[in-house]
């Protein structure tokens, strides 16, 4: 399942997401989206988890959770158009 993670601190990296979501199960990939021109984080990212049950538990527990002083927005990612 692909998971959207928003309201990230700008200092966050993919490794931080992998560690955070790894507490709930196997993380296949984790990335923070950065601005193409500046290279600075845009404050959101995506996590891919193989097991849907583990992914749903992570979404349920991490949505609204405090992460480095910011309340995360976590939900299932919508397909790209």
N, C-alpha and C. Protein backbone atom coordinates (compact mmCIF):
# COMPACT_ATOMS: atom_id res chain seq x y z
N UNK A 1 0.85 -1.18 0.00
CA UNK A 1 0.00 0.00 0.00
C UNK A 1 0.90 1.24 0.00
N UNK A 2 0.51 2.22 -0.79
CA UNK A 2 1.25 3.48 -0.85
C UNK A 2 0.59 4.46 0.12
N UNK A 3 1.39 5.06 1.00
CA UNK A 3 0.88 5.94 2.06
C UNK A 3 1.42 7.34 1.88
N UNK A 4 0.53 8.33 1.95
CA UNK A 4 0.91 9.74 1.91
C UNK A 4 1.19 10.20 3.34
N UNK A 5 2.28 10.92 3.53
CA UNK A 5 2.64 11.47 4.84
C UNK A 5 2.86 12.97 4.67
N UNK A 6 1.99 13.78 5.25
CA UNK A 6 2.08 15.22 5.11
C UNK A 6 2.40 15.92 6.42
N UNK A 7 2.70 17.21 6.31
CA UNK A 7 3.05 18.08 7.43
C UNK A 7 4.35 17.63 8.11
N UNK A 8 5.27 17.14 7.28
CA UNK A 8 6.58 16.71 7.81
C UNK A 8 7.45 17.91 8.13
N UNK A 9 8.30 17.80 9.15
CA UNK A 9 9.31 18.84 9.37
C UNK A 9 10.22 18.90 8.14
N UNK A 10 10.66 20.09 7.78
CA UNK A 10 11.49 20.24 6.58
C UNK A 10 12.85 19.56 6.71
N UNK A 11 13.22 19.18 7.92
CA UNK A 11 14.50 18.49 8.14
C UNK A 11 14.39 16.98 7.94
N UNK A 12 13.18 16.47 7.69
CA UNK A 12 12.96 15.02 7.57
C UNK A 12 13.56 14.46 6.29
N UNK A 13 14.00 13.20 6.38
CA UNK A 13 14.53 12.48 5.23
C UNK A 13 13.81 11.14 5.11
N UNK A 14 14.03 10.46 4.01
CA UNK A 14 13.40 9.16 3.78
C UNK A 14 13.73 8.16 4.88
N UNK A 15 14.96 8.22 5.39
CA UNK A 15 15.38 7.31 6.46
C UNK A 15 14.54 7.52 7.72
N UNK A 16 14.14 8.77 7.99
CA UNK A 16 13.30 9.05 9.16
C UNK A 16 11.94 8.39 9.00
N UNK A 17 11.38 8.47 7.80
CA UNK A 17 10.08 7.83 7.54
C UNK A 17 10.20 6.32 7.63
N UNK A 18 11.27 5.79 7.09
CA UNK A 18 11.47 4.34 7.12
C UNK A 18 11.56 3.84 8.57
N UNK A 19 12.25 4.58 9.41
CA UNK A 19 12.37 4.21 10.82
C UNK A 19 11.02 4.31 11.52
N UNK A 20 10.29 5.40 11.27
CA UNK A 20 8.99 5.62 11.92
C UNK A 20 7.99 4.54 11.53
N UNK A 21 7.85 4.27 10.25
CA UNK A 21 6.87 3.28 9.78
C UNK A 21 7.35 1.85 9.99
N UNK A 22 8.65 1.66 10.13
CA UNK A 22 9.21 0.33 10.37
C UNK A 22 8.74 -0.28 11.67
N UNK A 23 8.27 0.54 12.59
CA UNK A 23 7.73 0.05 13.86
C UNK A 23 6.43 -0.72 13.64
N UNK A 24 5.79 -0.53 12.48
CA UNK A 24 4.49 -1.16 12.20
C UNK A 24 4.59 -2.30 11.21
N UNK A 25 5.75 -2.48 10.59
CA UNK A 25 5.91 -3.58 9.64
C UNK A 25 7.00 -3.28 8.63
N UNK A 26 7.06 -4.12 7.60
CA UNK A 26 8.09 -3.99 6.58
C UNK A 26 7.82 -2.80 5.67
N UNK A 27 8.81 -1.94 5.55
CA UNK A 27 8.74 -0.77 4.66
C UNK A 27 9.53 -1.10 3.39
N UNK A 28 8.84 -1.07 2.24
CA UNK A 28 9.52 -1.35 0.97
C UNK A 28 10.29 -0.13 0.48
N UNK A 29 9.71 1.06 0.67
CA UNK A 29 10.41 2.29 0.28
C UNK A 29 9.82 3.45 1.05
N UNK A 30 10.63 4.49 1.22
CA UNK A 30 10.19 5.70 1.90
C UNK A 30 10.95 6.87 1.29
N UNK A 31 10.23 7.93 0.93
CA UNK A 31 10.90 9.09 0.34
C UNK A 31 10.19 10.37 0.73
N UNK A 32 10.99 11.41 0.88
CA UNK A 32 10.48 12.75 1.13
C UNK A 32 10.63 13.52 -0.18
N UNK A 33 9.58 14.19 -0.59
CA UNK A 33 9.58 14.92 -1.86
C UNK A 33 10.28 16.27 -1.66
N UNK A 34 11.19 16.58 -2.58
CA UNK A 34 11.93 17.84 -2.46
C UNK A 34 11.66 18.72 -3.68
N UNK A 35 11.85 20.01 -3.49
CA UNK A 35 11.67 21.00 -4.55
C UNK A 35 12.77 20.80 -5.59
N UNK A 36 12.41 20.81 -6.84
CA UNK A 36 13.39 20.55 -7.91
C UNK A 36 14.44 21.65 -8.00
N UNK A 37 14.04 22.88 -7.76
CA UNK A 37 14.98 24.00 -7.91
C UNK A 37 15.89 24.18 -6.71
N UNK A 38 15.31 24.10 -5.51
CA UNK A 38 16.10 24.38 -4.31
C UNK A 38 16.63 23.13 -3.63
N UNK A 39 16.01 21.97 -3.88
CA UNK A 39 16.41 20.74 -3.21
C UNK A 39 15.88 20.63 -1.80
N UNK A 40 15.13 21.63 -1.35
CA UNK A 40 14.58 21.65 0.01
C UNK A 40 13.32 20.78 0.07
N UNK A 41 13.10 20.15 1.19
CA UNK A 41 11.91 19.32 1.39
C UNK A 41 10.65 20.15 1.17
N UNK A 42 9.64 19.52 0.58
CA UNK A 42 8.36 20.19 0.38
C UNK A 42 7.39 19.88 1.52
N UNK A 43 7.84 19.10 2.51
CA UNK A 43 7.02 18.86 3.70
C UNK A 43 6.08 17.67 3.58
N UNK A 44 6.28 16.84 2.56
CA UNK A 44 5.48 15.62 2.47
C UNK A 44 6.30 14.52 1.81
N UNK A 45 5.79 13.30 1.96
CA UNK A 45 6.50 12.16 1.39
C UNK A 45 5.57 10.98 1.23
N UNK A 46 6.16 9.86 0.83
CA UNK A 46 5.39 8.64 0.59
C UNK A 46 6.14 7.44 1.17
N UNK A 47 5.36 6.51 1.69
CA UNK A 47 5.91 5.27 2.23
C UNK A 47 5.16 4.13 1.56
N UNK A 48 5.89 3.13 1.11
CA UNK A 48 5.29 1.94 0.50
C UNK A 48 5.49 0.77 1.45
N UNK A 49 4.36 0.15 1.84
CA UNK A 49 4.41 -1.02 2.73
C UNK A 49 3.76 -2.19 2.01
N UNK A 50 4.37 -3.37 2.11
CA UNK A 50 3.89 -4.56 1.41
C UNK A 50 2.60 -5.11 2.01
N UNK A 51 2.49 -5.09 3.32
CA UNK A 51 1.35 -5.68 4.00
C UNK A 51 0.29 -4.61 4.27
N UNK A 52 -0.91 -4.78 3.68
CA UNK A 52 -1.97 -3.78 3.82
C UNK A 52 -2.46 -3.64 5.26
N UNK A 53 -2.50 -4.74 6.01
CA UNK A 53 -2.95 -4.66 7.40
C UNK A 53 -1.99 -3.83 8.24
N UNK A 54 -0.69 -4.06 8.04
CA UNK A 54 0.32 -3.27 8.76
C UNK A 54 0.23 -1.80 8.34
N UNK A 55 0.02 -1.56 7.05
CA UNK A 55 -0.09 -0.19 6.56
C UNK A 55 -1.29 0.52 7.18
N UNK A 56 -2.43 -0.16 7.25
CA UNK A 56 -3.63 0.45 7.85
C UNK A 56 -3.42 0.78 9.32
N UNK A 57 -2.74 -0.12 10.03
CA UNK A 57 -2.44 0.13 11.46
C UNK A 57 -1.53 1.35 11.59
N UNK A 58 -0.52 1.46 10.72
CA UNK A 58 0.39 2.61 10.75
C UNK A 58 -0.39 3.90 10.48
N UNK A 59 -1.27 3.88 9.49
CA UNK A 59 -2.08 5.07 9.15
C UNK A 59 -2.92 5.47 10.36
N UNK A 60 -3.61 4.49 10.94
CA UNK A 60 -4.50 4.74 12.07
C UNK A 60 -3.75 5.35 13.26
N UNK A 61 -2.57 4.82 13.55
CA UNK A 61 -1.83 5.26 14.73
C UNK A 61 -1.00 6.53 14.51
N UNK A 62 -0.56 6.76 13.27
CA UNK A 62 0.32 7.91 13.03
C UNK A 62 -0.40 9.16 12.55
N UNK A 63 -1.64 9.03 12.05
CA UNK A 63 -2.36 10.22 11.61
C UNK A 63 -2.64 11.11 12.82
N UNK A 64 -2.13 12.33 12.78
CA UNK A 64 -2.28 13.27 13.89
C UNK A 64 -1.20 13.16 14.95
N UNK A 65 -0.31 12.18 14.82
CA UNK A 65 0.76 11.98 15.81
C UNK A 65 1.81 13.08 15.70
N UNK A 66 2.43 13.41 16.83
CA UNK A 66 3.49 14.41 16.86
C UNK A 66 4.79 13.80 16.35
N UNK A 67 5.43 14.48 15.40
CA UNK A 67 6.72 14.06 14.86
C UNK A 67 7.59 15.29 14.76
N UNK A 68 8.56 15.39 15.66
CA UNK A 68 9.45 16.56 15.73
C UNK A 68 8.67 17.87 15.80
N UNK A 69 7.62 17.88 16.62
CA UNK A 69 6.86 19.10 16.86
C UNK A 69 5.77 19.41 15.84
N UNK A 70 5.52 18.51 14.91
CA UNK A 70 4.47 18.72 13.90
C UNK A 70 3.52 17.54 13.92
N UNK A 71 2.22 17.83 13.76
CA UNK A 71 1.21 16.77 13.72
C UNK A 71 1.10 16.23 12.30
N UNK A 72 1.46 14.96 12.14
CA UNK A 72 1.47 14.34 10.82
C UNK A 72 0.07 14.16 10.25
N UNK A 73 -0.03 14.26 8.93
CA UNK A 73 -1.24 13.87 8.21
C UNK A 73 -0.86 12.61 7.45
N UNK A 74 -1.53 11.51 7.77
CA UNK A 74 -1.18 10.22 7.18
C UNK A 74 -2.45 9.58 6.64
N UNK A 75 -2.43 9.21 5.35
CA UNK A 75 -3.55 8.49 4.76
C UNK A 75 -3.09 7.72 3.53
N UNK A 76 -3.98 6.88 3.02
CA UNK A 76 -3.64 6.12 1.82
C UNK A 76 -3.49 7.10 0.66
N UNK A 77 -2.40 6.94 -0.07
CA UNK A 77 -2.12 7.85 -1.19
C UNK A 77 -3.12 7.61 -2.32
N UNK A 78 -3.53 8.71 -2.94
CA UNK A 78 -4.40 8.60 -4.11
C UNK A 78 -3.55 8.29 -5.32
N UNK A 79 -4.09 7.53 -6.27
CA UNK A 79 -3.33 7.20 -7.48
C UNK A 79 -2.99 8.47 -8.27
N UNK A 80 -1.82 8.46 -8.92
CA UNK A 80 -1.43 9.59 -9.77
C UNK A 80 -2.32 9.69 -10.98
N UNK A 81 -2.52 10.89 -11.45
CA UNK A 81 -3.35 11.09 -12.65
C UNK A 81 -2.50 11.38 -13.84
